[in-house]
Amino acid sequence: MNGGWLLLPFLLVRFGLPPLLDQEALRRAAHFAPRQGGERAAYAVYQGANAGIFLGLFFLRIRWSPTWLLWTGVACYLLGLGLCAAALVSFSHPDGDGLNTRGLYRFSRNPIYLDYFLCFVGMAALTQSPALLGLTAVFQCCAHWIILAEERWCAQRFGARYAAYCRRVRRYL
């Protein structure tokens, strides 16, 4: 089976779920914080890696041979999709000021990025593609710079409340 099929559930969760939960959620999710210095280059590489992952899947096949790699891929992919859905539910229902601190945001300030990473690792394992795994690593490294820009933006927007949240909740896990 073509690896491109793995994108359908991912994209349905990522772009289909938020507007069902809240009309503003998709717009808010598409907002990228202002970037400075090296963050601009990281953003370009991030988008390039994302495009490479998406396009690359159409040139790969899912390998259904029953190996540990298949089961690891299935587990990562499904866990990533499920956690992404849960994170998007929380994201779609922020508090009155727009700050997300409920649901998976109680455990990670950036659960959606982690969920993408799990999905992409699962896709790489299911297609047994070292190149896709490499693009996933590049994607995640660059996501860190985007996260730093988002956290700076959140600190400016939410002030002391966000600082207190950062003291309680880790950036990743």
N, C-alpha and C. Protein backbone atom coordinates (compact mmCIF):
# COMPACT_ATOMS: atom_id res chain seq x y z
N MET A 1 0.84 -1.17 0.00
CA MET A 1 0.00 0.00 0.00
C MET A 1 0.89 1.24 0.00
N ASN A 2 0.49 2.25 -0.71
CA ASN A 2 1.25 3.49 -0.82
C ASN A 2 1.26 4.20 0.53
N GLY A 3 2.44 4.72 0.91
CA GLY A 3 2.60 5.42 2.18
C GLY A 3 1.78 6.70 2.28
N GLY A 4 1.39 7.26 1.15
CA GLY A 4 0.59 8.47 1.15
C GLY A 4 -0.73 8.31 1.90
N TRP A 5 -1.23 7.08 1.98
CA TRP A 5 -2.48 6.84 2.71
C TRP A 5 -2.36 7.16 4.19
N LEU A 6 -1.14 7.11 4.71
CA LEU A 6 -0.93 7.43 6.12
C LEU A 6 -1.24 8.90 6.42
N LEU A 7 -1.19 9.73 5.40
CA LEU A 7 -1.46 11.15 5.59
C LEU A 7 -2.95 11.44 5.79
N LEU A 8 -3.81 10.61 5.23
CA LEU A 8 -5.24 10.90 5.30
C LEU A 8 -5.74 11.00 6.75
N PRO A 9 -5.54 9.98 7.59
CA PRO A 9 -6.00 10.15 8.98
C PRO A 9 -5.28 11.30 9.70
N PHE A 10 -3.99 11.45 9.43
CA PHE A 10 -3.22 12.53 10.07
C PHE A 10 -3.83 13.88 9.72
N LEU A 11 -4.08 14.12 8.44
CA LEU A 11 -4.61 15.42 8.00
C LEU A 11 -6.06 15.61 8.46
N LEU A 12 -6.83 14.54 8.50
CA LEU A 12 -8.20 14.65 9.01
C LEU A 12 -8.21 15.07 10.47
N VAL A 13 -7.33 14.47 11.26
CA VAL A 13 -7.24 14.85 12.67
C VAL A 13 -6.72 16.28 12.78
N ARG A 14 -5.64 16.57 12.09
CA ARG A 14 -4.96 17.86 12.23
C ARG A 14 -5.80 19.03 11.74
N PHE A 15 -6.45 18.87 10.59
CA PHE A 15 -7.19 20.00 10.02
C PHE A 15 -8.70 19.84 10.07
N GLY A 16 -9.19 18.62 10.28
CA GLY A 16 -10.63 18.41 10.33
C GLY A 16 -11.23 18.55 11.71
N LEU A 17 -10.48 18.14 12.72
CA LEU A 17 -11.01 18.16 14.09
C LEU A 17 -11.15 19.56 14.68
N PRO A 18 -10.14 20.42 14.60
CA PRO A 18 -10.28 21.74 15.26
C PRO A 18 -11.50 22.55 14.84
N PRO A 19 -11.81 22.69 13.54
CA PRO A 19 -12.98 23.50 13.21
C PRO A 19 -14.31 22.87 13.65
N LEU A 20 -14.31 21.55 13.85
CA LEU A 20 -15.52 20.92 14.39
C LEU A 20 -15.73 21.29 15.85
N LEU A 21 -14.64 21.54 16.55
CA LEU A 21 -14.70 21.84 17.97
C LEU A 21 -14.86 23.32 18.26
N ASP A 22 -14.23 24.16 17.44
CA ASP A 22 -14.28 25.59 17.63
C ASP A 22 -13.87 26.27 16.32
N GLN A 23 -14.65 27.19 15.85
CA GLN A 23 -14.38 27.83 14.56
C GLN A 23 -13.05 28.57 14.52
N GLU A 24 -12.60 29.08 15.65
CA GLU A 24 -11.35 29.84 15.69
C GLU A 24 -10.12 28.94 15.85
N ALA A 25 -10.32 27.68 16.20
CA ALA A 25 -9.20 26.80 16.53
C ALA A 25 -8.25 26.60 15.35
N LEU A 26 -8.77 26.39 14.17
CA LEU A 26 -7.89 26.16 13.01
C LEU A 26 -7.08 27.42 12.69
N ARG A 27 -7.70 28.56 12.80
CA ARG A 27 -6.99 29.82 12.57
C ARG A 27 -5.89 30.00 13.61
N ARG A 28 -6.21 29.73 14.87
CA ARG A 28 -5.20 29.85 15.93
C ARG A 28 -4.06 28.86 15.72
N ALA A 29 -4.39 27.64 15.29
CA ALA A 29 -3.36 26.61 15.09
C ALA A 29 -2.45 26.96 13.91
N ALA A 30 -2.95 27.71 12.97
CA ALA A 30 -2.15 28.08 11.80
C ALA A 30 -1.27 29.29 12.07
N HIS A 31 -1.45 29.93 13.21
CA HIS A 31 -0.66 31.12 13.55
C HIS A 31 0.74 30.71 14.00
N PHE A 32 1.72 31.29 13.37
CA PHE A 32 3.11 31.09 13.80
C PHE A 32 3.58 32.38 14.45
N ALA A 33 4.21 32.24 15.59
CA ALA A 33 4.72 33.41 16.31
C ALA A 33 5.79 34.11 15.49
N PRO A 34 5.95 35.40 15.70
CA PRO A 34 7.03 36.12 15.00
C PRO A 34 8.39 35.48 15.32
N ARG A 35 9.19 35.34 14.29
CA ARG A 35 10.50 34.69 14.44
C ARG A 35 11.61 35.72 14.34
N GLN A 36 12.71 35.41 15.04
CA GLN A 36 13.87 36.30 15.03
C GLN A 36 15.10 35.51 14.64
N GLY A 37 16.04 36.17 14.01
CA GLY A 37 17.34 35.58 13.72
C GLY A 37 17.28 34.19 13.12
N GLY A 38 17.95 33.23 13.78
CA GLY A 38 18.03 31.85 13.29
C GLY A 38 16.70 31.14 13.26
N GLU A 39 15.71 31.66 13.97
CA GLU A 39 14.37 31.05 13.95
C GLU A 39 13.77 31.12 12.55
N ARG A 40 14.10 32.14 11.80
CA ARG A 40 13.58 32.25 10.43
C ARG A 40 14.10 31.12 9.56
N ALA A 41 15.40 30.86 9.65
CA ALA A 41 15.99 29.77 8.88
C ALA A 41 15.43 28.43 9.35
N ALA A 42 15.29 28.26 10.66
CA ALA A 42 14.73 27.01 11.20
C ALA A 42 13.31 26.80 10.70
N TYR A 43 12.53 27.88 10.61
CA TYR A 43 11.17 27.78 10.11
C TYR A 43 11.16 27.31 8.66
N ALA A 44 12.05 27.86 7.84
CA ALA A 44 12.12 27.45 6.43
C ALA A 44 12.51 25.98 6.32
N VAL A 45 13.48 25.55 7.11
CA VAL A 45 13.90 24.14 7.08
C VAL A 45 12.77 23.25 7.61
N TYR A 46 12.09 23.71 8.65
CA TYR A 46 10.94 22.99 9.22
C TYR A 46 9.88 22.74 8.15
N GLN A 47 9.53 23.80 7.43
CA GLN A 47 8.51 23.67 6.38
C GLN A 47 9.01 22.77 5.25
N GLY A 48 10.29 22.88 4.91
CA GLY A 48 10.86 22.01 3.88
C GLY A 48 10.84 20.54 4.31
N ALA A 49 11.20 20.27 5.57
CA ALA A 49 11.17 18.90 6.08
C ALA A 49 9.74 18.38 6.10
N ASN A 50 8.81 19.23 6.49
CA ASN A 50 7.40 18.84 6.50
C ASN A 50 6.95 18.48 5.09
N ALA A 51 7.28 19.30 4.12
CA ALA A 51 6.92 19.01 2.72
C ALA A 51 7.61 17.73 2.26
N GLY A 52 8.87 17.54 2.64
CA GLY A 52 9.59 16.32 2.27
C GLY A 52 8.94 15.07 2.84
N ILE A 53 8.49 15.16 4.07
CA ILE A 53 7.81 14.02 4.70
C ILE A 53 6.52 13.73 3.93
N PHE A 54 5.73 14.76 3.71
CA PHE A 54 4.44 14.57 3.04
C PHE A 54 4.62 14.04 1.62
N LEU A 55 5.47 14.67 0.85
CA LEU A 55 5.67 14.23 -0.54
C LEU A 55 6.37 12.88 -0.59
N GLY A 56 7.34 12.69 0.28
CA GLY A 56 8.09 11.43 0.30
C GLY A 56 7.21 10.23 0.52
N LEU A 57 6.17 10.39 1.34
CA LEU A 57 5.29 9.26 1.62
C LEU A 57 4.63 8.71 0.35
N PHE A 58 4.41 9.57 -0.64
CA PHE A 58 3.77 9.12 -1.87
C PHE A 58 4.70 8.25 -2.73
N PHE A 59 5.98 8.27 -2.41
CA PHE A 59 6.95 7.46 -3.15
C PHE A 59 7.40 6.23 -2.34
N LEU A 60 6.75 6.04 -1.20
CA LEU A 60 7.11 4.92 -0.33
C LEU A 60 5.93 3.97 -0.19
N ARG A 61 6.23 2.75 0.16
CA ARG A 61 5.19 1.75 0.38
C ARG A 61 5.22 1.30 1.83
N ILE A 62 4.06 1.06 2.38
CA ILE A 62 3.97 0.50 3.73
C ILE A 62 4.39 -0.96 3.64
N ARG A 63 5.28 -1.36 4.49
CA ARG A 63 5.81 -2.74 4.53
C ARG A 63 5.04 -3.51 5.60
N TRP A 64 4.22 -4.44 5.17
CA TRP A 64 3.34 -5.17 6.09
C TRP A 64 3.98 -6.43 6.66
N SER A 65 5.26 -6.66 6.43
CA SER A 65 5.89 -7.86 6.97
C SER A 65 5.88 -7.77 8.50
N PRO A 66 5.42 -8.84 9.15
CA PRO A 66 5.28 -8.79 10.62
C PRO A 66 6.64 -8.83 11.33
N THR A 67 7.17 -7.66 11.59
CA THR A 67 8.43 -7.53 12.29
C THR A 67 8.23 -6.53 13.43
N TRP A 68 9.23 -6.40 14.26
CA TRP A 68 9.15 -5.43 15.36
C TRP A 68 9.01 -4.02 14.80
N LEU A 69 9.56 -3.77 13.60
CA LEU A 69 9.46 -2.45 13.00
C LEU A 69 8.02 -2.12 12.61
N LEU A 70 7.31 -3.11 12.11
CA LEU A 70 5.89 -2.90 11.77
C LEU A 70 5.10 -2.56 13.03
N TRP A 71 5.28 -3.34 14.09
CA TRP A 71 4.50 -3.13 15.31
C TRP A 71 4.89 -1.83 16.00
N THR A 72 6.16 -1.48 15.94
CA THR A 72 6.61 -0.19 16.47
C THR A 72 5.97 0.94 15.68
N GLY A 73 5.97 0.80 14.35
CA GLY A 73 5.36 1.82 13.49
C GLY A 73 3.88 1.99 13.75
N VAL A 74 3.17 0.87 13.86
CA VAL A 74 1.73 0.93 14.13
C VAL A 74 1.49 1.61 15.48
N ALA A 75 2.26 1.21 16.50
CA ALA A 75 2.07 1.78 17.84
C ALA A 75 2.36 3.28 17.85
N CYS A 76 3.48 3.70 17.27
CA CYS A 76 3.82 5.13 17.25
C CYS A 76 2.80 5.94 16.47
N TYR A 77 2.42 5.42 15.31
CA TYR A 77 1.48 6.14 14.45
C TYR A 77 0.12 6.31 15.15
N LEU A 78 -0.42 5.23 15.67
CA LEU A 78 -1.74 5.30 16.32
C LEU A 78 -1.70 6.11 17.61
N LEU A 79 -0.63 5.93 18.39
CA LEU A 79 -0.49 6.73 19.61
C LEU A 79 -0.37 8.20 19.26
N GLY A 80 0.43 8.51 18.24
CA GLY A 80 0.57 9.90 17.80
C GLY A 80 -0.75 10.50 17.35
N LEU A 81 -1.52 9.73 16.57
CA LEU A 81 -2.84 10.22 16.11
C LEU A 81 -3.78 10.45 17.28
N GLY A 82 -3.82 9.49 18.19
CA GLY A 82 -4.73 9.61 19.34
C GLY A 82 -4.36 10.78 20.24
N LEU A 83 -3.07 10.91 20.52
CA LEU A 83 -2.63 12.03 21.36
C LEU A 83 -2.81 13.36 20.65
N CYS A 84 -2.62 13.37 19.34
CA CYS A 84 -2.83 14.60 18.57
C CYS A 84 -4.29 15.02 18.66
N ALA A 85 -5.19 14.06 18.52
CA ALA A 85 -6.63 14.37 18.65
C ALA A 85 -6.93 14.92 20.04
N ALA A 86 -6.38 14.28 21.07
CA ALA A 86 -6.61 14.74 22.44
C ALA A 86 -6.03 16.14 22.65
N ALA A 87 -4.84 16.40 22.12
CA ALA A 87 -4.22 17.72 22.27
C ALA A 87 -5.03 18.78 21.52
N LEU A 88 -5.55 18.42 20.36
CA LEU A 88 -6.34 19.39 19.59
C LEU A 88 -7.68 19.70 20.27
N VAL A 89 -8.24 18.72 20.97
CA VAL A 89 -9.45 18.99 21.74
C VAL A 89 -9.14 20.04 22.80
N SER A 90 -8.03 19.85 23.52
CA SER A 90 -7.64 20.83 24.55
C SER A 90 -7.32 22.17 23.91
N PHE A 91 -6.59 22.14 22.81
CA PHE A 91 -6.20 23.37 22.11
C PHE A 91 -7.44 24.15 21.67
N SER A 92 -8.47 23.45 21.28
CA SER A 92 -9.69 24.09 20.77
C SER A 92 -10.54 24.72 21.86
N HIS A 93 -10.18 24.47 23.12
CA HIS A 93 -10.95 25.03 24.24
C HIS A 93 -10.02 25.69 25.25
N PRO A 94 -9.38 26.80 24.84
CA PRO A 94 -8.50 27.50 25.79
C PRO A 94 -9.32 28.25 26.84
N ASP A 95 -8.64 28.80 27.82
CA ASP A 95 -9.36 29.61 28.81
C ASP A 95 -9.79 30.92 28.15
N GLY A 96 -10.41 31.77 28.90
CA GLY A 96 -10.96 33.01 28.36
C GLY A 96 -9.95 33.92 27.69
N ASP A 97 -8.69 33.85 28.12
CA ASP A 97 -7.65 34.69 27.53
C ASP A 97 -6.95 34.04 26.34
N GLY A 98 -7.25 32.76 26.09
CA GLY A 98 -6.63 32.07 24.97
C GLY A 98 -5.46 31.18 25.34
N LEU A 99 -5.19 31.01 26.64
CA LEU A 99 -4.08 30.18 27.09
C LEU A 99 -4.56 28.73 27.26
N ASN A 100 -3.79 27.79 26.72
CA ASN A 100 -4.13 26.37 26.84
C ASN A 100 -3.34 25.76 27.99
N THR A 101 -4.05 25.32 29.02
CA THR A 101 -3.38 24.69 30.17
C THR A 101 -4.09 23.41 30.61
N ARG A 102 -5.12 23.02 29.89
CA ARG A 102 -5.88 21.83 30.27
C ARG A 102 -5.55 20.65 29.38
N GLY A 103 -6.06 19.48 29.73
CA GLY A 103 -5.84 18.28 28.93
C GLY A 103 -4.36 17.93 28.89
N LEU A 104 -3.85 17.59 27.71
CA LEU A 104 -2.44 17.23 27.59
C LEU A 104 -1.52 18.41 27.89
N TYR A 105 -2.05 19.61 27.83
CA TYR A 105 -1.25 20.80 28.15
C TYR A 105 -0.92 20.88 29.65
N ARG A 106 -1.50 20.01 30.46
CA ARG A 106 -1.12 19.92 31.88
C ARG A 106 0.22 19.21 32.04
N PHE A 107 0.62 18.44 31.01
CA PHE A 107 1.84 17.63 31.08
C PHE A 107 2.96 18.14 30.17
N SER A 108 2.59 18.83 29.11
CA SER A 108 3.56 19.34 28.14
C SER A 108 3.05 20.66 27.59
N ARG A 109 3.95 21.62 27.47
CA ARG A 109 3.54 22.90 26.88
C ARG A 109 3.39 22.80 25.37
N ASN A 110 3.89 21.72 24.79
CA ASN A 110 3.88 21.56 23.33
C ASN A 110 3.48 20.15 22.90
N PRO A 111 2.33 19.67 23.34
CA PRO A 111 1.99 18.28 23.02
C PRO A 111 1.78 18.01 21.54
N ILE A 112 1.31 18.98 20.80
CA ILE A 112 1.03 18.73 19.38
C ILE A 112 2.32 18.45 18.62
N TYR A 113 3.39 19.18 18.92
CA TYR A 113 4.67 18.91 18.25
C TYR A 113 5.16 17.50 18.58
N LEU A 114 4.97 17.08 19.82
CA LEU A 114 5.38 15.72 20.21
C LEU A 114 4.53 14.67 19.48
N ASP A 115 3.27 14.97 19.32
CA ASP A 115 2.37 14.04 18.64
C ASP A 115 2.72 13.92 17.16
N TYR A 116 3.06 15.03 16.54
CA TYR A 116 3.52 14.98 15.15
C TYR A 116 4.74 14.08 15.04
N PHE A 117 5.68 14.29 15.97
CA PHE A 117 6.91 13.50 15.96
C PHE A 117 6.58 12.01 16.06
N LEU A 118 5.70 11.63 16.96
CA LEU A 118 5.32 10.21 17.09
C LEU A 118 4.69 9.69 15.81
N CYS A 119 3.79 10.46 15.22
CA CYS A 119 3.16 10.05 13.95
C CYS A 119 4.21 9.86 12.86
N PHE A 120 5.11 10.82 12.73
CA PHE A 120 6.12 10.75 11.68
C PHE A 120 7.10 9.61 11.90
N VAL A 121 7.47 9.35 13.15
CA VAL A 121 8.32 8.19 13.45
C VAL A 121 7.58 6.91 13.06
N GLY A 122 6.29 6.85 13.38
CA GLY A 122 5.48 5.70 12.99
C GLY A 122 5.43 5.53 11.48
N MET A 123 5.28 6.62 10.76
CA MET A 123 5.26 6.56 9.30
C MET A 123 6.59 6.06 8.75
N ALA A 124 7.69 6.55 9.34
CA ALA A 124 9.02 6.11 8.90
C ALA A 124 9.21 4.63 9.17
N ALA A 125 8.74 4.16 10.32
CA ALA A 125 8.87 2.73 10.64
C ALA A 125 7.98 1.89 9.73
N LEU A 126 6.76 2.34 9.48
CA LEU A 126 5.85 1.57 8.63
C LEU A 126 6.35 1.46 7.19
N THR A 127 7.05 2.48 6.74
CA THR A 127 7.59 2.45 5.37
C THR A 127 9.04 1.96 5.36
N GLN A 128 9.60 1.76 6.55
CA GLN A 128 10.99 1.33 6.71
C GLN A 128 11.94 2.24 5.93
N SER A 129 11.73 3.53 6.09
CA SER A 129 12.49 4.53 5.34
C SER A 129 13.44 5.31 6.24
N PRO A 130 14.74 5.05 6.12
CA PRO A 130 15.70 5.86 6.87
C PRO A 130 15.65 7.34 6.46
N ALA A 131 15.37 7.61 5.19
CA ALA A 131 15.29 9.00 4.72
C ALA A 131 14.13 9.72 5.42
N LEU A 132 13.00 9.05 5.54
CA LEU A 132 11.85 9.66 6.21
C LEU A 132 12.15 9.87 7.69
N LEU A 133 12.85 8.94 8.30
CA LEU A 133 13.25 9.10 9.69
C LEU A 133 14.20 10.29 9.83
N GLY A 134 15.11 10.44 8.89
CA GLY A 134 16.02 11.59 8.90
C GLY A 134 15.29 12.90 8.76
N LEU A 135 14.31 12.97 7.85
CA LEU A 135 13.51 14.18 7.70
C LEU A 135 12.72 14.47 8.97
N THR A 136 12.27 13.42 9.63
CA THR A 136 11.54 13.58 10.89
C THR A 136 12.45 14.18 11.96
N ALA A 137 13.70 13.74 12.01
CA ALA A 137 14.66 14.30 12.97
C ALA A 137 14.92 15.77 12.68
N VAL A 138 15.09 16.11 11.41
CA VAL A 138 15.29 17.51 11.02
C VAL A 138 14.06 18.33 11.39
N PHE A 139 12.88 17.80 11.08
CA PHE A 139 11.62 18.46 11.41
C PHE A 139 11.55 18.78 12.90
N GLN A 140 11.86 17.78 13.73
CA GLN A 140 11.74 17.96 15.17
C GLN A 140 12.78 18.93 15.71
N CYS A 141 14.00 18.87 15.20
CA CYS A 141 15.04 19.82 15.64
C CYS A 141 14.63 21.26 15.31
N CYS A 142 14.11 21.46 14.13
CA CYS A 142 13.67 22.80 13.73
C CYS A 142 12.42 23.23 14.50
N ALA A 143 11.58 22.28 14.86
CA ALA A 143 10.39 22.60 15.65
C ALA A 143 10.80 23.25 16.98
N HIS A 144 11.93 22.84 17.52
CA HIS A 144 12.39 23.42 18.78
C HIS A 144 12.54 24.94 18.65
N TRP A 145 13.07 25.41 17.53
CA TRP A 145 13.24 26.85 17.33
C TRP A 145 11.91 27.56 17.20
N ILE A 146 10.95 26.89 16.56
CA ILE A 146 9.61 27.46 16.44
C ILE A 146 8.95 27.53 17.81
N ILE A 147 9.17 26.50 18.60
CA ILE A 147 8.63 26.47 19.96
C ILE A 147 9.21 27.62 20.79
N LEU A 148 10.50 27.88 20.65
CA LEU A 148 11.10 28.99 21.39
C LEU A 148 10.45 30.32 21.01
N ALA A 149 10.17 30.50 19.71
CA ALA A 149 9.49 31.72 19.26
C ALA A 149 8.07 31.78 19.83
N GLU A 150 7.37 30.66 19.82
CA GLU A 150 6.01 30.63 20.36
C GLU A 150 6.00 30.93 21.85
N GLU A 151 6.97 30.38 22.56
CA GLU A 151 7.01 30.62 24.00
C GLU A 151 7.34 32.08 24.32
N ARG A 152 8.19 32.70 23.53
CA ARG A 152 8.48 34.12 23.72
C ARG A 152 7.20 34.94 23.47
N TRP A 153 6.46 34.58 22.42
CA TRP A 153 5.21 35.26 22.09
C TRP A 153 4.18 35.07 23.22
N CYS A 154 4.09 33.85 23.73
CA CYS A 154 3.15 33.57 24.84
C CYS A 154 3.53 34.35 26.10
N ALA A 155 4.84 34.44 26.37
CA ALA A 155 5.30 35.20 27.55
C ALA A 155 4.89 36.67 27.42
N GLN A 156 4.99 37.21 26.21
CA GLN A 156 4.60 38.60 25.99
C GLN A 156 3.09 38.76 26.11
N ARG A 157 2.35 37.81 25.57
CA ARG A 157 0.89 37.93 25.54
C ARG A 157 0.25 37.64 26.88
N PHE A 158 0.74 36.60 27.59
CA PHE A 158 0.07 36.16 28.81
C PHE A 158 0.80 36.54 30.09
N GLY A 159 2.01 37.04 29.98
CA GLY A 159 2.74 37.57 31.13
C GLY A 159 2.96 36.59 32.27
N ALA A 160 2.61 37.04 33.48
CA ALA A 160 2.88 36.26 34.70
C ALA A 160 2.15 34.92 34.70
N ARG A 161 0.97 34.87 34.12
CA ARG A 161 0.23 33.59 34.07
C ARG A 161 1.01 32.55 33.29
N TYR A 162 1.60 32.97 32.17
CA TYR A 162 2.37 32.03 31.36
C TYR A 162 3.67 31.64 32.07
N ALA A 163 4.29 32.59 32.74
CA ALA A 163 5.51 32.29 33.49
C ALA A 163 5.22 31.25 34.57
N ALA A 164 4.10 31.39 35.27
CA ALA A 164 3.73 30.42 36.30
C ALA A 164 3.45 29.05 35.66
N TYR A 165 2.79 29.05 34.52
CA TYR A 165 2.52 27.81 33.78
C TYR A 165 3.84 27.13 33.39
N CYS A 166 4.80 27.90 32.92
CA CYS A 166 6.11 27.36 32.52
C CYS A 166 6.84 26.74 33.71
N ARG A 167 6.65 27.31 34.89
CA ARG A 167 7.29 26.74 36.08
C ARG A 167 6.66 25.41 36.47
N ARG A 168 5.38 25.23 36.16
CA ARG A 168 4.66 24.00 36.52
C ARG A 168 4.79 22.89 35.49
N VAL A 169 4.87 23.27 34.20
CA VAL A 169 4.77 22.30 33.11
C VAL A 169 6.02 22.35 32.25
N ARG A 170 6.55 21.20 31.93
CA ARG A 170 7.76 21.12 31.11
C ARG A 170 7.47 21.49 29.66
N ARG A 171 8.52 21.89 28.97
CA ARG A 171 8.41 22.25 27.56
C ARG A 171 7.97 21.04 26.73
N TYR A 172 8.58 19.89 26.99
CA TYR A 172 8.28 18.70 26.18
C TYR A 172 7.58 17.64 27.04
N LEU A 173 8.35 16.88 27.77
CA LEU A 173 7.74 15.81 28.62
C LEU A 173 8.11 16.00 30.07
